[in-house]
């Protein structure tokens, strides 16, 4: 997981626009085929300050054989 985070930071620094938007990382567990915007709405309900002007990266962890209930795992993934 740490190697993936390092790779993401490297890619983000290469493509970051000059206005220096904040890069925010979030992670949730959820069902496959989660509608667009549902993850953002779910995280906002949990009190996360997700602003449209920032670069928000939301990872949705899914299970192969079944749908998972929505669960915020940001604190577990980004310490």
PDB file of N, CA and C in Angstrom:
ATOM      1  N   UNK A   1       0.830  -1.191   0.000  1.00  0.00           N
ATOM      2  CA  UNK A   1       0.000   0.000   0.000  1.00  0.00           C
ATOM      3  C   UNK A   1       0.875   1.257   0.000  1.00  0.00           C
ATOM      4  N   UNK A   2       1.980   1.222   0.740  1.00  0.00           N
ATOM      5  CA  UNK A   2       2.853   2.401   0.799  1.00  0.00           C
ATOM      6  C   UNK A   2       3.477   2.693  -0.556  1.00  0.00           C
ATOM      7  N   UNK A   3       3.854   1.639  -1.282  1.00  0.00           N
ATOM      8  CA  UNK A   3       4.447   1.815  -2.597  1.00  0.00           C
ATOM      9  C   UNK A   3       3.451   2.470  -3.542  1.00  0.00           C
ATOM     10  N   UNK A   4       2.198   2.071  -3.468  1.00  0.00           N
ATOM     11  CA  UNK A   4       1.157   2.668  -4.298  1.00  0.00           C
ATOM     12  C   UNK A   4       0.969   4.140  -3.941  1.00  0.00           C
ATOM     13  N   UNK A   5       0.986   4.465  -2.656  1.00  0.00           N
ATOM     14  CA  UNK A   5       0.858   5.862  -2.236  1.00  0.00           C
ATOM     15  C   UNK A   5       2.024   6.694  -2.752  1.00  0.00           C
ATOM     16  N   UNK A   6       3.229   6.148  -2.707  1.00  0.00           N
ATOM     17  CA  UNK A   6       4.401   6.868  -3.209  1.00  0.00           C
ATOM     18  C   UNK A   6       4.276   7.116  -4.710  1.00  0.00           C
ATOM     19  N   UNK A   7       3.804   6.125  -5.427  1.00  0.00           N
ATOM     20  CA  UNK A   7       3.614   6.291  -6.870  1.00  0.00           C
ATOM     21  C   UNK A   7       2.570   7.363  -7.171  1.00  0.00           C
ATOM     22  N   UNK A   8       1.468   7.344  -6.419  1.00  0.00           N
ATOM     23  CA  UNK A   8       0.428   8.356  -6.631  1.00  0.00           C
ATOM     24  C   UNK A   8       0.959   9.761  -6.365  1.00  0.00           C
ATOM     25  N   UNK A   9       1.714   9.931  -5.282  1.00  0.00           N
ATOM     26  CA  UNK A   9       2.283  11.254  -4.976  1.00  0.00           C
ATOM     27  C   UNK A   9       3.215  11.718  -6.090  1.00  0.00           C
ATOM     28  N   UNK A  10       4.008  10.806  -6.643  1.00  0.00           N
ATOM     29  CA  UNK A  10       4.924  11.153  -7.720  1.00  0.00           C
ATOM     30  C   UNK A  10       4.148  11.590  -8.969  1.00  0.00           C
ATOM     31  N   UNK A  11       3.108  10.846  -9.322  1.00  0.00           N
ATOM     32  CA  UNK A  11       2.288  11.213 -10.477  1.00  0.00           C
ATOM     33  C   UNK A  11       1.573  12.541 -10.262  1.00  0.00           C
ATOM     34  N   UNK A  12       1.050  12.740  -9.060  1.00  0.00           N
ATOM     35  CA  UNK A  12       0.338  13.982  -8.765  1.00  0.00           C
ATOM     36  C   UNK A  12       1.257  15.188  -8.846  1.00  0.00           C
ATOM     37  N   UNK A  13       2.483  15.042  -8.387  1.00  0.00           N
ATOM     38  CA  UNK A  13       3.411  16.171  -8.436  1.00  0.00           C
ATOM     39  C   UNK A  13       3.781  16.506  -9.876  1.00  0.00           C
ATOM     40  N   UNK A  14       3.768  15.506 -10.757  1.00  0.00           N
ATOM     41  CA  UNK A  14       4.094  15.743 -12.159  1.00  0.00           C
ATOM     42  C   UNK A  14       2.961  16.434 -12.904  1.00  0.00           C
ATOM     43  N   UNK A  15       1.711  16.204 -12.492  1.00  0.00           N
ATOM     44  CA  UNK A  15       0.575  16.771 -13.222  1.00  0.00           C
ATOM     45  C   UNK A  15      -0.103  17.917 -12.494  1.00  0.00           C
ATOM     46  N   UNK A  16       0.391  18.260 -11.322  1.00  0.00           N
ATOM     47  CA  UNK A  16      -0.262  19.303 -10.527  1.00  0.00           C
ATOM     48  C   UNK A  16      -0.216  20.639 -11.268  1.00  0.00           C
ATOM     49  N   UNK A  17      -1.348  21.280 -11.425  1.00  0.00           N
ATOM     50  CA  UNK A  17      -1.391  22.569 -12.104  1.00  0.00           C
ATOM     51  C   UNK A  17      -0.716  23.650 -11.250  1.00  0.00           C
ATOM     52  N   UNK A  18      -0.355  24.760 -11.859  1.00  0.00           N
ATOM     53  CA  UNK A  18       0.380  25.803 -11.137  1.00  0.00           C
ATOM     54  C   UNK A  18      -0.386  26.468  -9.998  1.00  0.00           C
ATOM     55  N   UNK A  19      -1.698  26.349  -9.930  1.00  0.00           N
ATOM     56  CA  UNK A  19      -2.430  27.016  -8.856  1.00  0.00           C
ATOM     57  C   UNK A  19      -2.322  26.282  -7.521  1.00  0.00           C
ATOM     58  N   UNK A  20      -1.587  25.189  -7.480  1.00  0.00           N
ATOM     59  CA  UNK A  20      -1.303  24.462  -6.243  1.00  0.00           C
ATOM     60  C   UNK A  20      -2.564  24.025  -5.508  1.00  0.00           C
ATOM     61  N   UNK A  21      -3.393  23.290  -6.208  1.00  0.00           N
ATOM     62  CA  UNK A  21      -4.566  22.721  -5.554  1.00  0.00           C
ATOM     63  C   UNK A  21      -4.111  21.710  -4.517  1.00  0.00           C
ATOM     64  N   UNK A  22      -4.901  21.570  -3.474  1.00  0.00           N
ATOM     65  CA  UNK A  22      -4.625  20.547  -2.471  1.00  0.00           C
ATOM     66  C   UNK A  22      -4.960  19.184  -3.036  1.00  0.00           C
ATOM     67  N   UNK A  23      -4.140  18.201  -2.699  1.00  0.00           N
ATOM     68  CA  UNK A  23      -4.405  16.822  -3.085  1.00  0.00           C
ATOM     69  C   UNK A  23      -4.878  16.098  -1.843  1.00  0.00           C
ATOM     70  N   UNK A  24      -6.060  15.541  -1.909  1.00  0.00           N
ATOM     71  CA  UNK A  24      -6.662  14.862  -0.758  1.00  0.00           C
ATOM     72  C   UNK A  24      -6.925  13.416  -1.114  1.00  0.00           C
ATOM     73  N   UNK A  25      -6.579  12.501  -0.204  1.00  0.00           N
ATOM     74  CA  UNK A  25      -6.779  11.071  -0.411  1.00  0.00           C
ATOM     75  C   UNK A  25      -7.858  10.559   0.542  1.00  0.00           C
ATOM     76  N   UNK A  26      -8.744   9.753   0.009  1.00  0.00           N
ATOM     77  CA  UNK A  26      -9.797   9.134   0.803  1.00  0.00           C
ATOM     78  C   UNK A  26      -9.925   7.677   0.362  1.00  0.00           C
ATOM     79  N   UNK A  27     -10.468   6.853   1.235  1.00  0.00           N
ATOM     80  CA  UNK A  27     -10.695   5.448   0.885  1.00  0.00           C
ATOM     81  C   UNK A  27     -11.983   4.978   1.542  1.00  0.00           C
ATOM     82  N   UNK A  28     -12.742   4.202   0.790  1.00  0.00           N
ATOM     83  CA  UNK A  28     -13.966   3.619   1.327  1.00  0.00           C
ATOM     84  C   UNK A  28     -14.077   2.182   0.837  1.00  0.00           C
ATOM     85  N   UNK A  29     -14.840   1.402   1.564  1.00  0.00           N
ATOM     86  CA  UNK A  29     -15.273   0.101   1.070  1.00  0.00           C
ATOM     87  C   UNK A  29     -16.674   0.310   0.532  1.00  0.00           C
ATOM     88  N   UNK A  30     -17.021  -0.383  -0.530  1.00  0.00           N
ATOM     89  CA  UNK A  30     -18.354  -0.202  -1.076  1.00  0.00           C
ATOM     90  C   UNK A  30     -18.691  -1.232  -2.125  1.00  0.00           C
ATOM     91  N   UNK A  31     -19.890  -1.138  -2.646  1.00  0.00           N
ATOM     92  CA  UNK A  31     -20.341  -2.095  -3.657  1.00  0.00           C
ATOM     93  C   UNK A  31     -19.695  -1.810  -5.014  1.00  0.00           C
ATOM     94  N   UNK A  32     -19.649  -2.862  -5.822  1.00  0.00           N
ATOM     95  CA  UNK A  32     -19.247  -2.642  -7.205  1.00  0.00           C
ATOM     96  C   UNK A  32     -20.320  -1.779  -7.852  1.00  0.00           C
ATOM     97  N   UNK A  33     -19.998  -1.105  -8.916  1.00  0.00           N
ATOM     98  CA  UNK A  33     -20.956  -0.271  -9.660  1.00  0.00           C
ATOM     99  C   UNK A  33     -21.526   0.854  -8.803  1.00  0.00           C
ATOM    100  N   UNK A  34     -20.706   1.449  -7.961  1.00  0.00           N
ATOM    101  CA  UNK A  34     -21.135   2.601  -7.164  1.00  0.00           C
ATOM    102  C   UNK A  34     -21.342   3.782  -8.114  1.00  0.00           C
ATOM    103  N   UNK A  35     -22.504   4.422  -8.068  1.00  0.00           N
ATOM    104  CA  UNK A  35     -22.767   5.531  -8.994  1.00  0.00           C
ATOM    105  C   UNK A  35     -21.778   6.679  -8.803  1.00  0.00           C
ATOM    106  N   UNK A  36     -21.525   7.396  -9.879  1.00  0.00           N
ATOM    107  CA  UNK A  36     -20.614   8.534  -9.829  1.00  0.00           C
ATOM    108  C   UNK A  36     -21.144   9.574  -8.847  1.00  0.00           C
ATOM    109  N   UNK A  37     -20.289  10.056  -7.999  1.00  0.00           N
ATOM    110  CA  UNK A  37     -20.667  11.061  -7.011  1.00  0.00           C
ATOM    111  C   UNK A  37     -21.151  10.478  -5.697  1.00  0.00           C
ATOM    112  N   UNK A  38     -21.490   9.200  -5.672  1.00  0.00           N
ATOM    113  CA  UNK A  38     -21.992   8.579  -4.441  1.00  0.00           C
ATOM    114  C   UNK A  38     -20.903   8.494  -3.379  1.00  0.00           C
ATOM    115  N   UNK A  39     -19.668   8.214  -3.787  1.00  0.00           N
ATOM    116  CA  UNK A  39     -18.566   8.126  -2.831  1.00  0.00           C
ATOM    117  C   UNK A  39     -18.301   9.491  -2.196  1.00  0.00           C
ATOM    118  N   UNK A  40     -18.331  10.534  -2.996  1.00  0.00           N
ATOM    119  CA  UNK A  40     -18.124  11.889  -2.479  1.00  0.00           C
ATOM    120  C   UNK A  40     -19.229  12.270  -1.513  1.00  0.00           C
ATOM    121  N   UNK A  41     -20.463  11.993  -1.867  1.00  0.00           N
ATOM    122  CA  UNK A  41     -21.593  12.303  -0.988  1.00  0.00           C
ATOM    123  C   UNK A  41     -21.487  11.521   0.321  1.00  0.00           C
ATOM    124  N   UNK A  42     -21.104  10.264   0.243  1.00  0.00           N
ATOM    125  CA  UNK A  42     -20.954   9.438   1.438  1.00  0.00           C
ATOM    126  C   UNK A  42     -19.876  10.012   2.366  1.00  0.00           C
ATOM    127  N   UNK A  43     -18.738  10.393   1.811  1.00  0.00           N
ATOM    128  CA  UNK A  43     -17.655  10.947   2.630  1.00  0.00           C
ATOM    129  C   UNK A  43     -18.041  12.293   3.242  1.00  0.00           C
ATOM    130  N   UNK A  44     -18.784  13.102   2.508  1.00  0.00           N
ATOM    131  CA  UNK A  44     -19.249  14.387   3.070  1.00  0.00           C
ATOM    132  C   UNK A  44     -20.191  14.151   4.247  1.00  0.00           C
ATOM    133  N   UNK A  45     -21.028  13.112   4.168  1.00  0.00           N
ATOM    134  CA  UNK A  45     -21.924  12.779   5.282  1.00  0.00           C
ATOM    135  C   UNK A  45     -21.136  12.395   6.531  1.00  0.00           C
ATOM    136  N   UNK A  46     -19.940  11.839   6.345  1.00  0.00           N
ATOM    137  CA  UNK A  46     -19.092  11.447   7.469  1.00  0.00           C
ATOM    138  C   UNK A  46     -18.229  12.600   7.971  1.00  0.00           C
ATOM    139  N   UNK A  47     -18.442  13.795   7.446  1.00  0.00           N
ATOM    140  CA  UNK A  47     -17.749  14.971   7.957  1.00  0.00           C
ATOM    141  C   UNK A  47     -16.463  15.338   7.256  1.00  0.00           C
ATOM    142  N   UNK A  48     -16.133  14.663   6.164  1.00  0.00           N
ATOM    143  CA  UNK A  48     -14.923  15.024   5.427  1.00  0.00           C
ATOM    144  C   UNK A  48     -15.172  16.302   4.634  1.00  0.00           C
ATOM    145  N   UNK A  49     -14.205  17.205   4.671  1.00  0.00           N
ATOM    146  CA  UNK A  49     -14.302  18.475   3.946  1.00  0.00           C
ATOM    147  C   UNK A  49     -13.781  18.253   2.526  1.00  0.00           C
ATOM    148  N   UNK A  50     -14.662  17.864   1.633  1.00  0.00           N
ATOM    149  CA  UNK A  50     -14.294  17.611   0.243  1.00  0.00           C
ATOM    150  C   UNK A  50     -14.718  18.828  -0.570  1.00  0.00           C
ATOM    151  N   UNK A  51     -13.711  19.551  -1.054  1.00  0.00           N
ATOM    152  CA  UNK A  51     -13.981  20.755  -1.838  1.00  0.00           C
ATOM    153  C   UNK A  51     -13.756  20.471  -3.310  1.00  0.00           C
ATOM    154  N   UNK A  52     -14.587  21.029  -4.154  1.00  0.00           N
ATOM    155  CA  UNK A  52     -14.504  20.772  -5.588  1.00  0.00           C
ATOM    156  C   UNK A  52     -13.231  21.350  -6.205  1.00  0.00           C
ATOM    157  N   UNK A  53     -12.657  22.385  -5.601  1.00  0.00           N
ATOM    158  CA  UNK A  53     -11.451  22.994  -6.176  1.00  0.00           C
ATOM    159  C   UNK A  53     -10.184  22.194  -5.869  1.00  0.00           C
ATOM    160  N   UNK A  54     -10.259  21.229  -4.961  1.00  0.00           N
ATOM    161  CA  UNK A  54      -9.119  20.369  -4.643  1.00  0.00           C
ATOM    162  C   UNK A  54      -9.101  19.153  -5.563  1.00  0.00           C
ATOM    163  N   UNK A  55      -7.954  18.486  -5.613  1.00  0.00           N
ATOM    164  CA  UNK A  55      -7.852  17.228  -6.327  1.00  0.00           C
ATOM    165  C   UNK A  55      -8.130  16.122  -5.324  1.00  0.00           C
ATOM    166  N   UNK A  56      -9.324  15.543  -5.387  1.00  0.00           N
ATOM    167  CA  UNK A  56      -9.768  14.526  -4.438  1.00  0.00           C
ATOM    168  C   UNK A  56      -9.647  13.150  -5.074  1.00  0.00           C
ATOM    169  N   UNK A  57      -8.835  12.308  -4.456  1.00  0.00           N
ATOM    170  CA  UNK A  57      -8.653  10.938  -4.940  1.00  0.00           C
ATOM    171  C   UNK A  57      -9.373  10.020  -3.961  1.00  0.00           C
ATOM    172  N   UNK A  58     -10.389   9.340  -4.447  1.00  0.00           N
ATOM    173  CA  UNK A  58     -11.187   8.443  -3.612  1.00  0.00           C
ATOM    174  C   UNK A  58     -11.010   7.026  -4.132  1.00  0.00           C
ATOM    175  N   UNK A  59     -10.446   6.169  -3.294  1.00  0.00           N
ATOM    176  CA  UNK A  59     -10.299   4.764  -3.649  1.00  0.00           C
ATOM    177  C   UNK A  59     -11.499   4.011  -3.094  1.00  0.00           C
ATOM    178  N   UNK A  60     -12.113   3.229  -3.941  1.00  0.00           N
ATOM    179  CA  UNK A  60     -13.243   2.404  -3.516  1.00  0.00           C
ATOM    180  C   UNK A  60     -12.779   0.950  -3.547  1.00  0.00           C
ATOM    181  N   UNK A  61     -12.700   0.349  -2.369  1.00  0.00           N
ATOM    182  CA  UNK A  61     -12.300  -1.054  -2.264  1.00  0.00           C
ATOM    183  C   UNK A  61     -13.547  -1.911  -2.409  1.00  0.00           C
ATOM    184  N   UNK A  62     -13.487  -2.879  -3.302  1.00  0.00           N
ATOM    185  CA  UNK A  62     -14.624  -3.762  -3.544  1.00  0.00           C
ATOM    186  C   UNK A  62     -14.203  -5.209  -3.325  1.00  0.00           C
ATOM    187  N   UNK A  63     -15.163  -6.067  -3.088  1.00  0.00           N
ATOM    188  CA  UNK A  63     -14.907  -7.507  -2.956  1.00  0.00           C
ATOM    189  C   UNK A  63     -15.230  -8.172  -4.286  1.00  0.00           C
ATOM    190  N   UNK A  64     -14.526  -9.239  -4.587  1.00  0.00           N
ATOM    191  CA  UNK A  64     -14.700  -9.903  -5.880  1.00  0.00           C
ATOM    192  C   UNK A  64     -16.060 -10.580  -6.019  1.00  0.00           C
ATOM    193  N   UNK A  65     -16.515 -11.269  -4.974  1.00  0.00           N
ATOM    194  CA  UNK A  65     -17.715 -12.061  -5.125  1.00  0.00           C
ATOM    195  C   UNK A  65     -18.982 -11.478  -4.549  1.00  0.00           C
ATOM    196  N   UNK A  66     -18.873 -10.343  -3.868  1.00  0.00           N
ATOM    197  CA  UNK A  66     -20.069  -9.792  -3.222  1.00  0.00           C
ATOM    198  C   UNK A  66     -19.926  -8.287  -3.087  1.00  0.00           C
ATOM    199  N   UNK A  67     -21.044  -7.633  -2.861  1.00  0.00           N
ATOM    200  CA  UNK A  67     -21.031  -6.188  -2.634  1.00  0.00           C
ATOM    201  C   UNK A  67     -20.801  -5.901  -1.162  1.00  0.00           C
ATOM    202  N   UNK A  68     -19.925  -4.967  -0.882  1.00  0.00           N
ATOM    203  CA  UNK A  68     -19.652  -4.560   0.488  1.00  0.00           C
ATOM    204  C   UNK A  68     -20.528  -3.368   0.863  1.00  0.00           C
ATOM    205  N   UNK A  69     -20.904  -3.257   2.127  1.00  0.00           N
ATOM    206  CA  UNK A  69     -21.617  -2.054   2.557  1.00  0.00           C
ATOM    207  C   UNK A  69     -20.640  -0.882   2.578  1.00  0.00           C
ATOM    208  N   UNK A  70     -21.169   0.319   2.444  1.00  0.00           N
ATOM    209  CA  UNK A  70     -20.321   1.510   2.473  1.00  0.00           C
ATOM    210  C   UNK A  70     -19.682   1.659   3.850  1.00  0.00           C
ATOM    211  N   UNK A  71     -18.378   1.888   3.852  1.00  0.00           N
ATOM    212  CA  UNK A  71     -17.633   2.063   5.098  1.00  0.00           C
ATOM    213  C   UNK A  71     -16.451   2.990   4.821  1.00  0.00           C
ATOM    214  N   UNK A  72     -16.283   3.999   5.650  1.00  0.00           N
ATOM    215  CA  UNK A  72     -15.164   4.931   5.530  1.00  0.00           C
ATOM    216  C   UNK A  72     -13.919   4.294   6.144  1.00  0.00           C
ATOM    217  N   UNK A  73     -12.886   4.053   5.338  1.00  0.00           N
ATOM    218  CA  UNK A  73     -11.640   3.465   5.846  1.00  0.00           C
ATOM    219  C   UNK A  73     -10.457   4.406   5.595  1.00  0.00           C
ATOM    220  N   UNK A  74     -10.736   5.686   5.461  1.00  0.00           N
ATOM    221  CA  UNK A  74      -9.683   6.665   5.211  1.00  0.00           C
ATOM    222  C   UNK A  74      -8.641   6.661   6.315  1.00  0.00           C
ATOM    223  N   UNK A  75      -9.067   6.641   7.566  1.00  0.00           N
ATOM    224  CA  UNK A  75      -8.125   6.692   8.687  1.00  0.00           C
ATOM    225  C   UNK A  75      -7.231   5.456   8.706  1.00  0.00           C
ATOM    226  N   UNK A  76      -7.736   4.322   8.279  1.00  0.00           N
ATOM    227  CA  UNK A  76      -6.951   3.089   8.273  1.00  0.00           C
ATOM    228  C   UNK A  76      -5.921   3.084   7.152  1.00  0.00           C
ATOM    229  N   UNK A  77      -6.235   3.720   6.037  1.00  0.00           N
ATOM    230  CA  UNK A  77      -5.350   3.679   4.875  1.00  0.00           C
ATOM    231  C   UNK A  77      -4.330   4.821   4.844  1.00  0.00           C
ATOM    232  N   UNK A  78      -4.658   5.943   5.447  1.00  0.00           N
ATOM    233  CA  UNK A  78      -3.783   7.129   5.383  1.00  0.00           C
ATOM    234  C   UNK A  78      -3.488   7.601   6.793  1.00  0.00           C
ATOM    235  N   UNK A  79      -2.467   7.036   7.392  1.00  0.00           N
ATOM    236  CA  UNK A  79      -2.093   7.409   8.755  1.00  0.00           C
ATOM    237  C   UNK A  79      -1.025   8.445   8.756  1.00  0.00           C
TER     238      UNK A  79
END
